[in-house]
Amino acid sequence: MAASESAQGCYRGSTTFKEKLIALFHPYRPYKHYMRGPGPKTLNKIGERLRAESDGVTQEPVPQRWLDLIGSLAKQQQIRNSFKPDQR
């Protein structure tokens, strides 16, 4: 391998200066136009189906033990907040 070939090989790029110049002023940018996820219509359909499937689950009554736990946690939080100085 000649010295000129090895020097030339390290400067070879996948794009030429002309291609880079054209890309700089070309208005189409595919990364700005690709679909980034489902649209509002699809999300609406998914939400409706999920609500229909989980309707029976959300109708079950909450166990009394859970309600008691939530009530005791709320009381503890009120007690903690009553002892804190005003942070203004």
N, C-alpha and C. Protein backbone atom coordinates (compact mmCIF):
# COMPACT_ATOMS: atom_id res chain seq x y z
N MET A 1 0.86 -1.17 0.00
CA MET A 1 0.00 0.00 0.00
C MET A 1 0.90 1.23 0.00
N ALA A 2 0.58 2.15 -0.86
CA ALA A 2 1.38 3.36 -0.99
C ALA A 2 0.98 4.36 0.09
N ALA A 3 1.84 5.30 0.36
CA ALA A 3 1.57 6.30 1.40
C ALA A 3 0.37 7.16 1.04
N SER A 4 0.21 7.46 -0.25
CA SER A 4 -0.92 8.30 -0.65
C SER A 4 -2.25 7.59 -0.44
N GLU A 5 -2.26 6.24 -0.64
CA GLU A 5 -3.49 5.49 -0.45
C GLU A 5 -3.91 5.46 1.02
N SER A 6 -2.94 5.29 1.93
CA SER A 6 -3.28 5.25 3.34
C SER A 6 -3.74 6.60 3.83
N ALA A 7 -3.13 7.66 3.35
CA ALA A 7 -3.55 9.00 3.76
C ALA A 7 -4.93 9.31 3.20
N GLN A 8 -5.17 8.85 1.99
CA GLN A 8 -6.46 9.10 1.37
C GLN A 8 -7.56 8.31 2.08
N GLY A 9 -7.25 7.12 2.56
CA GLY A 9 -8.22 6.27 3.21
C GLY A 9 -8.74 6.85 4.51
N CYS A 10 -7.89 7.54 5.26
CA CYS A 10 -8.35 8.08 6.53
C CYS A 10 -9.20 9.34 6.34
N TYR A 11 -9.19 9.94 5.17
CA TYR A 11 -10.00 11.14 4.91
C TYR A 11 -11.29 10.82 4.19
N ARG A 12 -11.47 9.56 3.81
CA ARG A 12 -12.71 9.19 3.13
C ARG A 12 -13.86 9.21 4.13
N GLY A 13 -14.92 9.89 3.77
CA GLY A 13 -16.10 9.93 4.63
C GLY A 13 -17.28 9.32 3.91
N SER A 14 -18.35 9.14 4.63
CA SER A 14 -19.54 8.57 4.01
C SER A 14 -20.27 9.62 3.18
N THR A 15 -20.06 10.89 3.48
CA THR A 15 -20.69 11.96 2.71
C THR A 15 -19.63 12.94 2.24
N THR A 16 -19.88 13.48 1.09
CA THR A 16 -18.94 14.46 0.54
C THR A 16 -19.34 15.85 0.98
N PHE A 17 -18.47 16.80 0.71
CA PHE A 17 -18.76 18.19 1.06
C PHE A 17 -20.00 18.67 0.34
N LYS A 18 -20.15 18.28 -0.92
CA LYS A 18 -21.31 18.69 -1.71
C LYS A 18 -22.61 18.15 -1.09
N GLU A 19 -22.58 16.88 -0.66
CA GLU A 19 -23.77 16.28 -0.04
C GLU A 19 -24.12 16.96 1.27
N LYS A 20 -23.09 17.32 2.05
CA LYS A 20 -23.33 18.02 3.31
C LYS A 20 -23.91 19.40 3.06
N LEU A 21 -23.42 20.08 2.02
CA LEU A 21 -23.93 21.42 1.68
C LEU A 21 -25.38 21.35 1.23
N ILE A 22 -25.71 20.34 0.42
CA ILE A 22 -27.10 20.18 -0.03
C ILE A 22 -28.00 19.86 1.16
N ALA A 23 -27.55 18.99 2.03
CA ALA A 23 -28.35 18.62 3.21
C ALA A 23 -28.58 19.81 4.13
N LEU A 24 -27.63 20.72 4.17
CA LEU A 24 -27.76 21.89 5.03
C LEU A 24 -28.93 22.78 4.61
N PHE A 25 -29.16 22.90 3.31
CA PHE A 25 -30.21 23.78 2.80
C PHE A 25 -31.45 23.03 2.34
N HIS A 26 -31.47 21.72 2.44
CA HIS A 26 -32.62 20.94 2.02
C HIS A 26 -33.70 21.05 3.10
N PRO A 27 -34.93 21.39 2.73
CA PRO A 27 -35.97 21.65 3.74
C PRO A 27 -36.53 20.41 4.44
N TYR A 28 -36.41 19.24 3.83
CA TYR A 28 -37.04 18.06 4.42
C TYR A 28 -36.14 17.46 5.49
N ARG A 29 -36.69 17.33 6.67
CA ARG A 29 -35.98 16.70 7.79
C ARG A 29 -36.86 15.56 8.28
N PRO A 30 -36.56 14.31 7.90
CA PRO A 30 -37.45 13.18 8.25
C PRO A 30 -37.62 12.99 9.74
N TYR A 31 -36.61 13.30 10.54
CA TYR A 31 -36.73 13.12 11.98
C TYR A 31 -37.74 14.08 12.59
N LYS A 32 -38.11 15.13 11.88
CA LYS A 32 -39.12 16.05 12.39
C LYS A 32 -40.54 15.62 12.00
N HIS A 33 -40.65 14.65 11.09
CA HIS A 33 -41.96 14.30 10.55
C HIS A 33 -42.42 12.90 10.89
N TYR A 34 -41.55 12.08 11.44
CA TYR A 34 -41.99 10.71 11.70
C TYR A 34 -42.99 10.70 12.85
N MET A 35 -43.86 9.68 12.86
CA MET A 35 -44.89 9.59 13.87
C MET A 35 -44.27 9.21 15.21
N ARG A 36 -44.53 9.98 16.22
CA ARG A 36 -43.89 9.77 17.51
C ARG A 36 -44.74 8.94 18.47
N GLY A 37 -45.87 8.49 18.06
CA GLY A 37 -46.70 7.69 18.94
C GLY A 37 -48.13 7.70 18.44
N PRO A 38 -49.01 7.03 19.14
CA PRO A 38 -50.40 7.00 18.71
C PRO A 38 -51.05 8.37 18.83
N GLY A 39 -51.95 8.65 17.91
CA GLY A 39 -52.63 9.93 17.91
C GLY A 39 -53.82 9.96 18.85
N PRO A 40 -54.51 11.08 18.90
CA PRO A 40 -55.61 11.23 19.84
C PRO A 40 -56.77 10.26 19.60
N LYS A 41 -57.06 9.93 18.34
CA LYS A 41 -58.15 9.00 18.06
C LYS A 41 -57.83 7.62 18.61
N THR A 42 -56.60 7.17 18.39
CA THR A 42 -56.19 5.86 18.88
C THR A 42 -56.20 5.83 20.40
N LEU A 43 -55.69 6.88 21.03
CA LEU A 43 -55.69 6.93 22.49
C LEU A 43 -57.10 6.95 23.05
N ASN A 44 -58.02 7.60 22.35
CA ASN A 44 -59.43 7.61 22.76
C ASN A 44 -60.00 6.20 22.73
N LYS A 45 -59.73 5.46 21.64
CA LYS A 45 -60.23 4.09 21.53
C LYS A 45 -59.66 3.20 22.62
N ILE A 46 -58.36 3.35 22.87
CA ILE A 46 -57.72 2.55 23.92
C ILE A 46 -58.35 2.86 25.28
N GLY A 47 -58.57 4.14 25.56
CA GLY A 47 -59.17 4.55 26.82
C GLY A 47 -60.59 4.02 26.99
N GLU A 48 -61.38 4.08 25.93
CA GLU A 48 -62.75 3.57 26.00
C GLU A 48 -62.75 2.07 26.29
N ARG A 49 -61.88 1.34 25.60
CA ARG A 49 -61.84 -0.11 25.80
C ARG A 49 -61.35 -0.44 27.21
N LEU A 50 -60.36 0.27 27.69
CA LEU A 50 -59.85 0.03 29.03
C LEU A 50 -60.91 0.31 30.09
N ARG A 51 -61.66 1.40 29.90
CA ARG A 51 -62.73 1.71 30.85
C ARG A 51 -63.82 0.64 30.83
N ALA A 52 -64.13 0.14 29.63
CA ALA A 52 -65.17 -0.89 29.52
C ALA A 52 -64.72 -2.19 30.20
N GLU A 53 -63.44 -2.54 30.02
CA GLU A 53 -62.94 -3.79 30.60
C GLU A 53 -62.76 -3.69 32.11
N SER A 54 -62.41 -2.51 32.61
CA SER A 54 -62.12 -2.37 34.03
C SER A 54 -63.30 -1.80 34.81
N ASP A 55 -64.44 -1.68 34.19
CA ASP A 55 -65.61 -1.11 34.86
C ASP A 55 -66.01 -1.93 36.08
N GLY A 56 -66.00 -3.24 35.96
CA GLY A 56 -66.37 -4.10 37.08
C GLY A 56 -65.37 -4.04 38.22
N VAL A 57 -64.12 -3.83 37.91
CA VAL A 57 -63.08 -3.78 38.93
C VAL A 57 -63.23 -2.52 39.78
N THR A 58 -63.56 -1.42 39.14
CA THR A 58 -63.67 -0.16 39.88
C THR A 58 -64.97 -0.07 40.66
N GLN A 59 -65.91 -0.97 40.43
CA GLN A 59 -67.19 -0.94 41.14
C GLN A 59 -67.12 -1.68 42.48
N GLU A 60 -66.03 -2.44 42.70
CA GLU A 60 -65.91 -3.19 43.95
C GLU A 60 -65.74 -2.23 45.12
N PRO A 61 -66.34 -2.53 46.27
CA PRO A 61 -66.19 -1.65 47.42
C PRO A 61 -64.78 -1.74 48.01
N VAL A 62 -64.32 -0.64 48.55
CA VAL A 62 -63.01 -0.59 49.18
C VAL A 62 -63.14 -1.24 50.56
N PRO A 63 -62.20 -2.12 50.90
CA PRO A 63 -62.28 -2.78 52.22
C PRO A 63 -62.21 -1.76 53.37
N GLN A 64 -62.92 -2.06 54.42
CA GLN A 64 -62.98 -1.16 55.58
C GLN A 64 -61.60 -0.95 56.20
N ARG A 65 -60.75 -1.98 56.20
CA ARG A 65 -59.40 -1.85 56.74
C ARG A 65 -58.62 -0.78 55.99
N TRP A 66 -58.81 -0.70 54.68
CA TRP A 66 -58.11 0.31 53.89
C TRP A 66 -58.60 1.70 54.27
N LEU A 67 -59.91 1.84 54.42
CA LEU A 67 -60.47 3.14 54.79
C LEU A 67 -59.96 3.58 56.16
N ASP A 68 -59.86 2.61 57.10
CA ASP A 68 -59.32 2.92 58.43
C ASP A 68 -57.86 3.37 58.33
N LEU A 69 -57.08 2.69 57.50
CA LEU A 69 -55.68 3.04 57.32
C LEU A 69 -55.54 4.44 56.74
N ILE A 70 -56.32 4.74 55.73
CA ILE A 70 -56.28 6.07 55.12
C ILE A 70 -56.66 7.14 56.13
N GLY A 71 -57.68 6.88 56.94
CA GLY A 71 -58.09 7.83 57.97
C GLY A 71 -57.01 8.06 59.00
N SER A 72 -56.33 6.98 59.44
CA SER A 72 -55.28 7.15 60.46
C SER A 72 -54.08 7.89 59.88
N LEU A 73 -53.74 7.63 58.62
CA LEU A 73 -52.65 8.36 57.99
C LEU A 73 -52.97 9.85 57.85
N ALA A 74 -54.21 10.16 57.53
CA ALA A 74 -54.62 11.56 57.42
C ALA A 74 -54.51 12.26 58.77
N LYS A 75 -54.92 11.57 59.85
CA LYS A 75 -54.81 12.16 61.20
C LYS A 75 -53.35 12.39 61.57
N GLN A 76 -52.48 11.43 61.27
CA GLN A 76 -51.05 11.58 61.57
C GLN A 76 -50.47 12.77 60.82
N GLN A 77 -50.87 12.93 59.56
CA GLN A 77 -50.37 14.05 58.76
C GLN A 77 -50.84 15.39 59.34
N GLN A 78 -52.08 15.45 59.79
CA GLN A 78 -52.59 16.68 60.41
C GLN A 78 -51.82 17.01 61.67
N ILE A 79 -51.50 16.00 62.48
CA ILE A 79 -50.73 16.22 63.71
C ILE A 79 -49.34 16.75 63.37
N ARG A 80 -48.69 16.14 62.38
CA ARG A 80 -47.35 16.60 61.98
C ARG A 80 -47.39 18.03 61.47
N ASN A 81 -48.40 18.35 60.69
CA ASN A 81 -48.50 19.71 60.13
C ASN A 81 -48.81 20.74 61.21
N SER A 82 -49.49 20.36 62.27
CA SER A 82 -49.84 21.32 63.33
C SER A 82 -48.61 21.71 64.15
N PHE A 83 -47.57 20.86 64.20
CA PHE A 83 -46.38 21.17 64.97
C PHE A 83 -45.30 21.87 64.15
N LYS A 84 -45.46 21.95 62.84
CA LYS A 84 -44.46 22.62 62.01
C LYS A 84 -44.62 24.12 62.11
N PRO A 85 -43.51 24.84 62.20
CA PRO A 85 -43.60 26.31 62.19
C PRO A 85 -43.95 26.79 60.78
N ASP A 86 -44.50 27.99 60.71
CA ASP A 86 -44.84 28.55 59.40
C ASP A 86 -43.58 28.75 58.58
N GLN A 87 -43.64 28.27 57.35
CA GLN A 87 -42.47 28.41 56.47
C GLN A 87 -42.81 29.43 55.40
N ARG A 88 -42.66 30.67 55.73
CA ARG A 88 -42.98 31.75 54.79
C ARG A 88 -41.76 32.48 54.37
